[in-house]
Amino acid sequence: MDSIARQHQWQAILQMTEQLQQLSVDESWQAMNELGARRQAGLEDFFAVPVSLKEAEEVAAGIQQILQSDQRLINRGRAHQAEMSDAVKKISGTRQAIRAYTHIHTTPT
């Protein structure tokens, strides 16, 4: 693969990284999983060939960008998970209150 093709390949990986951020904002979790798998395959393919000295600086900067982006994704995912957990707890509490109310009002006196 020539250097221009590798540069395009690397840019595509970085573009997928940016798209993952947008998908997380949109809470498109399934699309994120699919794109994440494609990006991982792209990374594996890219790094199957040693990085040349000529591309090392650009690749190192891109790796930092990917790591920072992935950390933001992790943080956003954890926040969403906490929100969902709180919502489930609230629903569970409401369900228990309804059962208690129903039990009190259906028990013969």
PDB file of N, CA and C in Angstrom:
ATOM      1  N   MET A   1       0.852  -1.169   0.000  1.00  0.00           N
ATOM      2  CA  MET A   1       0.000   0.000   0.000  1.00  0.00           C
ATOM      3  C   MET A   1       0.899   1.233   0.000  1.00  0.00           C
ATOM      4  N   ASP A   2       0.598   2.175  -0.870  1.00  0.00           N
ATOM      5  CA  ASP A   2       1.436   3.377  -0.935  1.00  0.00           C
ATOM      6  C   ASP A   2       1.090   4.338   0.205  1.00  0.00           C
ATOM      7  N   SER A   3       1.930   5.345   0.383  1.00  0.00           N
ATOM      8  CA  SER A   3       1.779   6.253   1.526  1.00  0.00           C
ATOM      9  C   SER A   3       0.485   7.065   1.464  1.00  0.00           C
ATOM     10  N   ILE A   4       0.032   7.391   0.262  1.00  0.00           N
ATOM     11  CA  ILE A   4      -1.220   8.148   0.137  1.00  0.00           C
ATOM     12  C   ILE A   4      -2.400   7.289   0.573  1.00  0.00           C
ATOM     13  N   ALA A   5      -2.396   6.027   0.172  1.00  0.00           N
ATOM     14  CA  ALA A   5      -3.475   5.123   0.572  1.00  0.00           C
ATOM     15  C   ALA A   5      -3.481   4.925   2.088  1.00  0.00           C
ATOM     16  N   ARG A   6      -2.282   4.801   2.679  1.00  0.00           N
ATOM     17  CA  ARG A   6      -2.209   4.654   4.146  1.00  0.00           C
ATOM     18  C   ARG A   6      -2.699   5.917   4.844  1.00  0.00           C
ATOM     19  N   GLN A   7      -2.369   7.064   4.276  1.00  0.00           N
ATOM     20  CA  GLN A   7      -2.829   8.315   4.874  1.00  0.00           C
ATOM     21  C   GLN A   7      -4.353   8.396   4.824  1.00  0.00           C
ATOM     22  N   HIS A   8      -4.948   7.982   3.714  1.00  0.00           N
ATOM     23  CA  HIS A   8      -6.410   7.957   3.594  1.00  0.00           C
ATOM     24  C   HIS A   8      -7.005   6.963   4.590  1.00  0.00           C
ATOM     25  N   GLN A   9      -6.338   5.824   4.729  1.00  0.00           N
ATOM     26  CA  GLN A   9      -6.805   4.815   5.676  1.00  0.00           C
ATOM     27  C   GLN A   9      -6.796   5.391   7.102  1.00  0.00           C
ATOM     28  N   TRP A  10      -5.718   6.093   7.461  1.00  0.00           N
ATOM     29  CA  TRP A  10      -5.611   6.682   8.791  1.00  0.00           C
ATOM     30  C   TRP A  10      -6.667   7.771   8.996  1.00  0.00           C
ATOM     31  N   GLN A  11      -6.878   8.591   7.972  1.00  0.00           N
ATOM     32  CA  GLN A  11      -7.889   9.647   8.065  1.00  0.00           C
ATOM     33  C   GLN A  11      -9.288   9.054   8.229  1.00  0.00           C
ATOM     34  N   ALA A  12      -9.555   7.939   7.573  1.00  0.00           N
ATOM     35  CA  ALA A  12     -10.852   7.271   7.714  1.00  0.00           C
ATOM     36  C   ALA A  12     -11.049   6.789   9.150  1.00  0.00           C
ATOM     37  N   ILE A  13      -9.989   6.285   9.765  1.00  0.00           N
ATOM     38  CA  ILE A  13     -10.061   5.838  11.163  1.00  0.00           C
ATOM     39  C   ILE A  13     -10.368   7.024  12.071  1.00  0.00           C
ATOM     40  N   LEU A  14      -9.697   8.143  11.842  1.00  0.00           N
ATOM     41  CA  LEU A  14      -9.942   9.335  12.659  1.00  0.00           C
ATOM     42  C   LEU A  14     -11.351   9.883  12.437  1.00  0.00           C
ATOM     43  N   GLN A  15     -11.831   9.788  11.211  1.00  0.00           N
ATOM     44  CA  GLN A  15     -13.194  10.238  10.916  1.00  0.00           C
ATOM     45  C   GLN A  15     -14.212   9.354  11.641  1.00  0.00           C
ATOM     46  N   MET A  16     -13.964   8.052  11.675  1.00  0.00           N
ATOM     47  CA  MET A  16     -14.860   7.156  12.406  1.00  0.00           C
ATOM     48  C   MET A  16     -14.868   7.512  13.890  1.00  0.00           C
ATOM     49  N   THR A  17     -13.710   7.908  14.407  1.00  0.00           N
ATOM     50  CA  THR A  17     -13.614   8.315  15.811  1.00  0.00           C
ATOM     51  C   THR A  17     -14.510   9.519  16.071  1.00  0.00           C
ATOM     52  N   GLU A  18     -14.497  10.491  15.175  1.00  0.00           N
ATOM     53  CA  GLU A  18     -15.369  11.665  15.308  1.00  0.00           C
ATOM     54  C   GLU A  18     -16.841  11.277  15.187  1.00  0.00           C
ATOM     55  N   GLN A  19     -17.143  10.360  14.279  1.00  0.00           N
ATOM     56  CA  GLN A  19     -18.526   9.916  14.102  1.00  0.00           C
ATOM     57  C   GLN A  19     -19.033   9.208  15.359  1.00  0.00           C
ATOM     58  N   LEU A  20     -18.153   8.479  16.030  1.00  0.00           N
ATOM     59  CA  LEU A  20     -18.545   7.809  17.269  1.00  0.00           C
ATOM     60  C   LEU A  20     -19.000   8.829  18.312  1.00  0.00           C
ATOM     61  N   GLN A  21     -18.319   9.966  18.368  1.00  0.00           N
ATOM     62  CA  GLN A  21     -18.720  11.018  19.308  1.00  0.00           C
ATOM     63  C   GLN A  21     -20.139  11.497  18.999  1.00  0.00           C
ATOM     64  N   GLN A  22     -20.425  11.749  17.740  1.00  0.00           N
ATOM     65  CA  GLN A  22     -21.756  12.229  17.368  1.00  0.00           C
ATOM     66  C   GLN A  22     -22.820  11.179  17.664  1.00  0.00           C
ATOM     67  N   LEU A  23     -22.513   9.931  17.383  1.00  0.00           N
ATOM     68  CA  LEU A  23     -23.475   8.867  17.668  1.00  0.00           C
ATOM     69  C   LEU A  23     -23.754   8.762  19.163  1.00  0.00           C
ATOM     70  N   SER A  24     -22.736   8.996  19.984  1.00  0.00           N
ATOM     71  CA  SER A  24     -22.961   8.929  21.432  1.00  0.00           C
ATOM     72  C   SER A  24     -23.834  10.091  21.898  1.00  0.00           C
ATOM     73  N   VAL A  25     -23.645  11.267  21.310  1.00  0.00           N
ATOM     74  CA  VAL A  25     -24.497  12.413  21.640  1.00  0.00           C
ATOM     75  C   VAL A  25     -25.946  12.091  21.269  1.00  0.00           C
ATOM     76  N   ASP A  26     -26.128  11.429  20.135  1.00  0.00           N
ATOM     77  CA  ASP A  26     -27.464  11.051  19.659  1.00  0.00           C
ATOM     78  C   ASP A  26     -28.012   9.817  20.376  1.00  0.00           C
ATOM     79  N   GLU A  27     -27.182   9.211  21.230  1.00  0.00           N
ATOM     80  CA  GLU A  27     -27.519   7.974  21.942  1.00  0.00           C
ATOM     81  C   GLU A  27     -27.899   6.852  20.972  1.00  0.00           C
ATOM     82  N   SER A  28     -27.175   6.776  19.880  1.00  0.00           N
ATOM     83  CA  SER A  28     -27.366   5.720  18.880  1.00  0.00           C
ATOM     84  C   SER A  28     -26.404   4.579  19.211  1.00  0.00           C
ATOM     85  N   TRP A  29     -26.746   3.835  20.256  1.00  0.00           N
ATOM     86  CA  TRP A  29     -25.818   2.840  20.803  1.00  0.00           C
ATOM     87  C   TRP A  29     -25.529   1.712  19.818  1.00  0.00           C
ATOM     88  N   GLN A  30     -26.546   1.224  19.113  1.00  0.00           N
ATOM     89  CA  GLN A  30     -26.329   0.134  18.156  1.00  0.00           C
ATOM     90  C   GLN A  30     -25.403   0.588  17.030  1.00  0.00           C
ATOM     91  N   ALA A  31     -25.647   1.775  16.504  1.00  0.00           N
ATOM     92  CA  ALA A  31     -24.789   2.310  15.439  1.00  0.00           C
ATOM     93  C   ALA A  31     -23.369   2.507  15.954  1.00  0.00           C
ATOM     94  N   MET A  32     -23.245   2.912  17.221  1.00  0.00           N
ATOM     95  CA  MET A  32     -21.907   3.063  17.816  1.00  0.00           C
ATOM     96  C   MET A  32     -21.181   1.727  17.857  1.00  0.00           C
ATOM     97  N   ASN A  33     -21.900   0.675  18.270  1.00  0.00           N
ATOM     98  CA  ASN A  33     -21.277  -0.652  18.322  1.00  0.00           C
ATOM     99  C   ASN A  33     -20.786  -1.088  16.949  1.00  0.00           C
ATOM    100  N   GLU A  34     -21.616  -0.873  15.942  1.00  0.00           N
ATOM    101  CA  GLU A  34     -21.248  -1.275  14.582  1.00  0.00           C
ATOM    102  C   GLU A  34     -20.054  -0.470  14.073  1.00  0.00           C
ATOM    103  N   LEU A  35     -20.099   0.845  14.271  1.00  0.00           N
ATOM    104  CA  LEU A  35     -19.003   1.697  13.813  1.00  0.00           C
ATOM    105  C   LEU A  35     -17.731   1.415  14.608  1.00  0.00           C
ATOM    106  N   GLY A  36     -17.877   1.169  15.894  1.00  0.00           N
ATOM    107  CA  GLY A  36     -16.717   0.834  16.722  1.00  0.00           C
ATOM    108  C   GLY A  36     -16.030  -0.432  16.241  1.00  0.00           C
ATOM    109  N   ALA A  37     -16.824  -1.416  15.839  1.00  0.00           N
ATOM    110  CA  ALA A  37     -16.253  -2.664  15.313  1.00  0.00           C
ATOM    111  C   ALA A  37     -15.528  -2.406  13.992  1.00  0.00           C
ATOM    112  N   ARG A  38     -16.119  -1.561  13.136  1.00  0.00           N
ATOM    113  CA  ARG A  38     -15.459  -1.228  11.863  1.00  0.00           C
ATOM    114  C   ARG A  38     -14.165  -0.457  12.106  1.00  0.00           C
ATOM    115  N   ARG A  39     -14.196   0.459  13.073  1.00  0.00           N
ATOM    116  CA  ARG A  39     -12.978   1.215  13.375  1.00  0.00           C
ATOM    117  C   ARG A  39     -11.903   0.282  13.921  1.00  0.00           C
ATOM    118  N   GLN A  40     -12.293  -0.652  14.790  1.00  0.00           N
ATOM    119  CA  GLN A  40     -11.324  -1.600  15.343  1.00  0.00           C
ATOM    120  C   GLN A  40     -10.690  -2.429  14.233  1.00  0.00           C
ATOM    121  N   ALA A  41     -11.503  -2.884  13.289  1.00  0.00           N
ATOM    122  CA  ALA A  41     -10.967  -3.646  12.157  1.00  0.00           C
ATOM    123  C   ALA A  41     -10.016  -2.774  11.335  1.00  0.00           C
ATOM    124  N   GLY A  42     -10.378  -1.512  11.151  1.00  0.00           N
ATOM    125  CA  GLY A  42      -9.507  -0.590  10.425  1.00  0.00           C
ATOM    126  C   GLY A  42      -8.183  -0.371  11.136  1.00  0.00           C
ATOM    127  N   LEU A  43      -8.229  -0.245  12.460  1.00  0.00           N
ATOM    128  CA  LEU A  43      -7.002  -0.087  13.247  1.00  0.00           C
ATOM    129  C   LEU A  43      -6.114  -1.324  13.133  1.00  0.00           C
ATOM    130  N   GLU A  44      -6.735  -2.498  13.230  1.00  0.00           N
ATOM    131  CA  GLU A  44      -5.964  -3.740  13.118  1.00  0.00           C
ATOM    132  C   GLU A  44      -5.315  -3.850  11.749  1.00  0.00           C
ATOM    133  N   ASP A  45      -6.057  -3.491  10.721  1.00  0.00           N
ATOM    134  CA  ASP A  45      -5.523  -3.531   9.364  1.00  0.00           C
ATOM    135  C   ASP A  45      -4.390  -2.516   9.198  1.00  0.00           C
ATOM    136  N   PHE A  46      -4.596  -1.311   9.718  1.00  0.00           N
ATOM    137  CA  PHE A  46      -3.585  -0.262   9.591  1.00  0.00           C
ATOM    138  C   PHE A  46      -2.293  -0.665  10.295  1.00  0.00           C
ATOM    139  N   PHE A  47      -2.406  -1.169  11.514  1.00  0.00           N
ATOM    140  CA  PHE A  47      -1.213  -1.494  12.286  1.00  0.00           C
ATOM    141  C   PHE A  47      -0.631  -2.873  11.954  1.00  0.00           C
ATOM    142  N   ALA A  48      -1.248  -3.577  10.995  1.00  0.00           N
ATOM    143  CA  ALA A  48      -0.655  -4.828  10.511  1.00  0.00           C
ATOM    144  C   ALA A  48       0.629  -4.532   9.743  1.00  0.00           C
ATOM    145  N   VAL A  49       0.738  -3.297   9.262  1.00  0.00           N
ATOM    146  CA  VAL A  49       1.944  -2.825   8.565  1.00  0.00           C
ATOM    147  C   VAL A  49       2.646  -1.849   9.508  1.00  0.00           C
ATOM    148  N   PRO A  50       3.945  -2.019   9.720  1.00  0.00           N
ATOM    149  CA  PRO A  50       4.651  -1.102  10.630  1.00  0.00           C
ATOM    150  C   PRO A  50       4.516   0.358  10.190  1.00  0.00           C
ATOM    151  N   VAL A  51       4.396   1.228  11.180  1.00  0.00           N
ATOM    152  CA  VAL A  51       4.311   2.668  10.922  1.00  0.00           C
ATOM    153  C   VAL A  51       5.696   3.159  10.512  1.00  0.00           C
ATOM    154  N   SER A  52       5.745   3.893   9.414  1.00  0.00           N
ATOM    155  CA  SER A  52       7.031   4.420   8.936  1.00  0.00           C
ATOM    156  C   SER A  52       7.423   5.651   9.750  1.00  0.00           C
ATOM    157  N   LEU A  53       8.683   5.998   9.687  1.00  0.00           N
ATOM    158  CA  LEU A  53       9.148   7.207  10.370  1.00  0.00           C
ATOM    159  C   LEU A  53       8.428   8.439   9.840  1.00  0.00           C
ATOM    160  N   LYS A  54       8.138   8.425   8.546  1.00  0.00           N
ATOM    161  CA  LYS A  54       7.473   9.558   7.903  1.00  0.00           C
ATOM    162  C   LYS A  54       6.073   9.790   8.479  1.00  0.00           C
ATOM    163  N   GLU A  55       5.373   8.721   8.816  1.00  0.00           N
ATOM    164  CA  GLU A  55       4.003   8.864   9.311  1.00  0.00           C
ATOM    165  C   GLU A  55       3.904   8.806  10.836  1.00  0.00           C
ATOM    166  N   ALA A  56       5.007   8.575  11.521  1.00  0.00           N
ATOM    167  CA  ALA A  56       4.992   8.360  12.972  1.00  0.00           C
ATOM    168  C   ALA A  56       4.390   9.532  13.743  1.00  0.00           C
ATOM    169  N   GLU A  57       4.761  10.749  13.402  1.00  0.00           N
ATOM    170  CA  GLU A  57       4.264  11.913  14.146  1.00  0.00           C
ATOM    171  C   GLU A  57       2.753  12.069  13.990  1.00  0.00           C
ATOM    172  N   GLU A  58       2.276  11.943  12.756  1.00  0.00           N
ATOM    173  CA  GLU A  58       0.835  12.065  12.498  1.00  0.00           C
ATOM    174  C   GLU A  58       0.060  10.951  13.196  1.00  0.00           C
ATOM    175  N   VAL A  59       0.598   9.744  13.147  1.00  0.00           N
ATOM    176  CA  VAL A  59      -0.074   8.609  13.777  1.00  0.00           C
ATOM    177  C   VAL A  59      -0.086   8.778  15.297  1.00  0.00           C
ATOM    178  N   ALA A  60       1.020   9.234  15.875  1.00  0.00           N
ATOM    179  CA  ALA A  60       1.076   9.450  17.326  1.00  0.00           C
ATOM    180  C   ALA A  60       0.035  10.482  17.760  1.00  0.00           C
ATOM    181  N   ALA A  61      -0.092  11.554  17.000  1.00  0.00           N
ATOM    182  CA  ALA A  61      -1.094  12.578  17.319  1.00  0.00           C
ATOM    183  C   ALA A  61      -2.503  11.998  17.192  1.00  0.00           C
ATOM    184  N   GLY A  62      -2.713  11.184  16.178  1.00  0.00           N
ATOM    185  CA  GLY A  62      -4.016  10.549  15.990  1.00  0.00           C
ATOM    186  C   GLY A  62      -4.352   9.579  17.105  1.00  0.00           C
ATOM    187  N   ILE A  63      -3.348   8.851  17.578  1.00  0.00           N
ATOM    188  CA  ILE A  63      -3.569   7.923  18.691  1.00  0.00           C
ATOM    189  C   ILE A  63      -4.014   8.699  19.928  1.00  0.00           C
ATOM    190  N   GLN A  64      -3.374   9.830  20.188  1.00  0.00           N
ATOM    191  CA  GLN A  64      -3.786  10.664  21.325  1.00  0.00           C
ATOM    192  C   GLN A  64      -5.226  11.144  21.149  1.00  0.00           C
ATOM    193  N   GLN A  65      -5.572  11.523  19.940  1.00  0.00           N
ATOM    194  CA  GLN A  65      -6.940  11.963  19.647  1.00  0.00           C
ATOM    195  C   GLN A  65      -7.925  10.823  19.910  1.00  0.00           C
ATOM    196  N   ILE A  66      -7.583   9.627  19.462  1.00  0.00           N
ATOM    197  CA  ILE A  66      -8.450   8.465  19.658  1.00  0.00           C
ATOM    198  C   ILE A  66      -8.602   8.162  21.144  1.00  0.00           C
ATOM    199  N   LEU A  67      -7.505   8.180  21.882  1.00  0.00           N
ATOM    200  CA  LEU A  67      -7.562   7.890  23.318  1.00  0.00           C
ATOM    201  C   LEU A  67      -8.438   8.904  24.057  1.00  0.00           C
ATOM    202  N   GLN A  68      -8.280  10.175  23.735  1.00  0.00           N
ATOM    203  CA  GLN A  68      -9.098  11.210  24.378  1.00  0.00           C
ATOM    204  C   GLN A  68     -10.570  11.053  24.008  1.00  0.00           C
ATOM    205  N   SER A  69     -10.827  10.761  22.753  1.00  0.00           N
ATOM    206  CA  SER A  69     -12.194  10.568  22.294  1.00  0.00           C
ATOM    207  C   SER A  69     -12.824   9.362  22.978  1.00  0.00           C
ATOM    208  N   ASP A  70     -12.076   8.279  23.048  1.00  0.00           N
ATOM    209  CA  ASP A  70     -12.601   7.075  23.690  1.00  0.00           C
ATOM    210  C   ASP A  70     -12.882   7.313  25.172  1.00  0.00           C
ATOM    211  N   GLN A  71     -12.057   8.110  25.834  1.00  0.00           N
ATOM    212  CA  GLN A  71     -12.309   8.423  27.244  1.00  0.00           C
ATOM    213  C   GLN A  71     -13.602   9.215  27.393  1.00  0.00           C
ATOM    214  N   ARG A  72     -13.846  10.150  26.479  1.00  0.00           N
ATOM    215  CA  ARG A  72     -15.111  10.897  26.512  1.00  0.00           C
ATOM    216  C   ARG A  72     -16.293   9.958  26.275  1.00  0.00           C
ATOM    217  N   LEU A  73     -16.122   8.996  25.365  1.00  0.00           N
ATOM    218  CA  LEU A  73     -17.189   8.021  25.116  1.00  0.00           C
ATOM    219  C   LEU A  73     -17.466   7.191  26.362  1.00  0.00           C
ATOM    220  N   ILE A  74     -16.410   6.767  27.028  1.00  0.00           N
ATOM    221  CA  ILE A  74     -16.566   5.982  28.257  1.00  0.00           C
ATOM    222  C   ILE A  74     -17.306   6.805  29.307  1.00  0.00           C
ATOM    223  N   ASN A  75     -16.897   8.046  29.484  1.00  0.00           N
ATOM    224  CA  ASN A  75     -17.549   8.908  30.475  1.00  0.00           C
ATOM    225  C   ASN A  75     -19.019   9.130  30.146  1.00  0.00           C
ATOM    226  N   ARG A  76     -19.310   9.370  28.871  1.00  0.00           N
ATOM    227  CA  ARG A  76     -20.698   9.581  28.457  1.00  0.00           C
ATOM    228  C   ARG A  76     -21.508   8.293  28.645  1.00  0.00           C
ATOM    229  N   GLY A  77     -20.909   7.163  28.329  1.00  0.00           N
ATOM    230  CA  GLY A  77     -21.586   5.883  28.521  1.00  0.00           C
ATOM    231  C   GLY A  77     -21.882   5.607  29.982  1.00  0.00           C
ATOM    232  N   ARG A  78     -20.927   5.903  30.849  1.00  0.00           N
ATOM    233  CA  ARG A  78     -21.147   5.707  32.291  1.00  0.00           C
ATOM    234  C   ARG A  78     -22.251   6.622  32.805  1.00  0.00           C
ATOM    235  N   ALA A  79     -22.262   7.865  32.346  1.00  0.00           N
ATOM    236  CA  ALA A  79     -23.306   8.798  32.764  1.00  0.00           C
ATOM    237  C   ALA A  79     -24.676   8.299  32.308  1.00  0.00           C
ATOM    238  N   HIS A  80     -24.753   7.815  31.085  1.00  0.00           N
ATOM    239  CA  HIS A  80     -26.020   7.286  30.565  1.00  0.00           C
ATOM    240  C   HIS A  80     -26.440   6.053  31.360  1.00  0.00           C
ATOM    241  N   GLN A  81     -25.483   5.197  31.674  1.00  0.00           N
ATOM    242  CA  GLN A  81     -25.777   4.002  32.458  1.00  0.00           C
ATOM    243  C   GLN A  81     -26.330   4.394  33.834  1.00  0.00           C
ATOM    244  N   ALA A  82     -25.743   5.402  34.465  1.00  0.00           N
ATOM    245  CA  ALA A  82     -26.224   5.863  35.769  1.00  0.00           C
ATOM    246  C   ALA A  82     -27.643   6.421  35.655  1.00  0.00           C
ATOM    247  N   GLU A  83     -27.908   7.172  34.596  1.00  0.00           N
ATOM    248  CA  GLU A  83     -29.258   7.708  34.376  1.00  0.00           C
ATOM    249  C   GLU A  83     -30.269   6.576  34.220  1.00  0.00           C
ATOM    250  N   MET A  84     -29.908   5.572  33.446  1.00  0.00           N
ATOM    251  CA  MET A  84     -30.810   4.441  33.237  1.00  0.00           C
ATOM    252  C   MET A  84     -31.029   3.670  34.540  1.00  0.00           C
ATOM    253  N   SER A  85     -29.981   3.511  35.314  1.00  0.00           N
ATOM    254  CA  SER A  85     -30.090   2.821  36.597  1.00  0.00           C
ATOM    255  C   SER A  85     -31.030   3.577  37.529  1.00  0.00           C
ATOM    256  N   ASP A  86     -30.891   4.895  37.575  1.00  0.00           N
ATOM    257  CA  ASP A  86     -31.782   5.710  38.404  1.00  0.00           C
ATOM    258  C   ASP A  86     -33.229   5.589  37.934  1.00  0.00           C
ATOM    259  N   ALA A  87     -33.433   5.582  36.628  1.00  0.00           N
ATOM    260  CA  ALA A  87     -34.787   5.456  36.083  1.00  0.00           C
ATOM    261  C   ALA A  87     -35.394   4.105  36.443  1.00  0.00           C
ATOM    262  N   VAL A  88     -34.599   3.048  36.370  1.00  0.00           N
ATOM    263  CA  VAL A  88     -35.088   1.708  36.721  1.00  0.00           C
ATOM    264  C   VAL A  88     -35.450   1.658  38.204  1.00  0.00           C
ATOM    265  N   LYS A  89     -34.615   2.254  39.050  1.00  0.00           N
ATOM    266  CA  LYS A  89     -34.907   2.281  40.491  1.00  0.00           C
ATOM    267  C   LYS A  89     -36.206   3.029  40.762  1.00  0.00           C
ATOM    268  N   LYS A  90     -36.415   4.128  40.065  1.00  0.00           N
ATOM    269  CA  LYS A  90     -37.633   4.914  40.246  1.00  0.00           C
ATOM    270  C   LYS A  90     -38.854   4.108  39.812  1.00  0.00           C
ATOM    271  N   ILE A  91     -38.740   3.441  38.679  1.00  0.00           N
ATOM    272  CA  ILE A  91     -39.845   2.607  38.191  1.00  0.00           C
ATOM    273  C   ILE A  91     -40.129   1.488  39.182  1.00  0.00           C
ATOM    274  N   SER A  92     -39.074   0.873  39.694  1.00  0.00           N
ATOM    275  CA  SER A  92     -39.234  -0.212  40.659  1.00  0.00           C
ATOM    276  C   SER A  92     -39.922   0.291  41.928  1.00  0.00           C
ATOM    277  N   GLY A  93     -39.527   1.467  42.403  1.00  0.00           N
ATOM    278  CA  GLY A  93     -40.161   2.045  43.590  1.00  0.00           C
ATOM    279  C   GLY A  93     -41.625   2.346  43.350  1.00  0.00           C
ATOM    280  N   THR A  94     -41.934   2.866  42.181  1.00  0.00           N
ATOM    281  CA  THR A  94     -43.325   3.151  41.832  1.00  0.00           C
ATOM    282  C   THR A  94     -44.133   1.864  41.770  1.00  0.00           C
ATOM    283  N   ARG A  95     -43.558   0.832  41.187  1.00  0.00           N
ATOM    284  CA  ARG A  95     -44.234  -0.462  41.094  1.00  0.00           C
ATOM    285  C   ARG A  95     -44.525  -1.017  42.490  1.00  0.00           C
ATOM    286  N   GLN A  96     -43.556  -0.912  43.399  1.00  0.00           N
ATOM    287  CA  GLN A  96     -43.756  -1.396  44.767  1.00  0.00           C
ATOM    288  C   GLN A  96     -44.853  -0.605  45.471  1.00  0.00           C
ATOM    289  N   ALA A  97     -44.890   0.697  45.252  1.00  0.00           N
ATOM    290  CA  ALA A  97     -45.927   1.529  45.864  1.00  0.00           C
ATOM    291  C   ALA A  97     -47.307   1.141  45.340  1.00  0.00           C
ATOM    292  N   ILE A  98     -47.405   0.863  44.054  1.00  0.00           N
ATOM    293  CA  ILE A  98     -48.684   0.447  43.467  1.00  0.00           C
ATOM    294  C   ILE A  98     -49.124  -0.885  44.054  1.00  0.00           C
ATOM    295  N   ARG A  99     -48.188  -1.829  44.181  1.00  0.00           N
ATOM    296  CA  ARG A  99     -48.532  -3.130  44.781  1.00  0.00           C
ATOM    297  C   ARG A  99     -49.019  -2.955  46.217  1.00  0.00           C
ATOM    298  N   ALA A 100     -48.321  -2.129  46.984  1.00  0.00           N
ATOM    299  CA  ALA A 100     -48.717  -1.909  48.378  1.00  0.00           C
ATOM    300  C   ALA A 100     -50.102  -1.274  48.434  1.00  0.00           C
ATOM    301  N   TYR A 101     -50.342  -0.288  47.598  1.00  0.00           N
ATOM    302  CA  TYR A 101     -51.637   0.381  47.561  1.00  0.00           C
ATOM    303  C   TYR A 101     -52.729  -0.609  47.174  1.00  0.00           C
ATOM    304  N   THR A 102     -52.452  -1.404  46.147  1.00  0.00           N
ATOM    305  CA  THR A 102     -53.421  -2.392  45.686  1.00  0.00           C
ATOM    306  C   THR A 102     -53.699  -3.412  46.780  1.00  0.00           C
ATOM    307  N   HIS A 103     -52.671  -3.842  47.473  1.00  0.00           N
ATOM    308  CA  HIS A 103     -52.824  -4.833  48.542  1.00  0.00           C
ATOM    309  C   HIS A 103     -53.678  -4.268  49.676  1.00  0.00           C
ATOM    310  N   ILE A 104     -53.440  -3.021  50.050  1.00  0.00           N
ATOM    311  CA  ILE A 104     -54.191  -2.392  51.139  1.00  0.00           C
ATOM    312  C   ILE A 104     -55.659  -2.256  50.761  1.00  0.00           C
ATOM    313  N   HIS A 105     -55.926  -1.889  49.525  1.00  0.00           N
ATOM    314  CA  HIS A 105     -57.299  -1.623  49.107  1.00  0.00           C
ATOM    315  C   HIS A 105     -58.041  -2.852  48.593  1.00  0.00           C
ATOM    316  N   THR A 106     -57.373  -3.972  48.498  1.00  0.00           N
ATOM    317  CA  THR A 106     -58.064  -5.189  48.071  1.00  0.00           C
ATOM    318  C   THR A 106     -58.131  -6.212  49.191  1.00  0.00           C
ATOM    319  N   THR A 107     -57.504  -5.928  50.315  1.00  0.00           N
ATOM    320  CA  THR A 107     -57.536  -6.845  51.449  1.00  0.00           C
ATOM    321  C   THR A 107     -58.874  -6.685  52.158  1.00  0.00           C
ATOM    322  N   PRO A 108     -59.574  -7.809  52.393  1.00  0.00           N
ATOM    323  CA  PRO A 108     -60.876  -7.725  53.085  1.00  0.00           C
ATOM    324  C   PRO A 108     -60.691  -7.166  54.500  1.00  0.00           C
ATOM    325  N   THR A 109     -61.616  -6.340  54.907  1.00  0.00           N
ATOM    326  CA  THR A 109     -61.554  -5.765  56.256  1.00  0.00           C
ATOM    327  C   THR A 109     -62.527  -6.357  57.206  1.00  0.00           C
TER     328      THR A 109
END
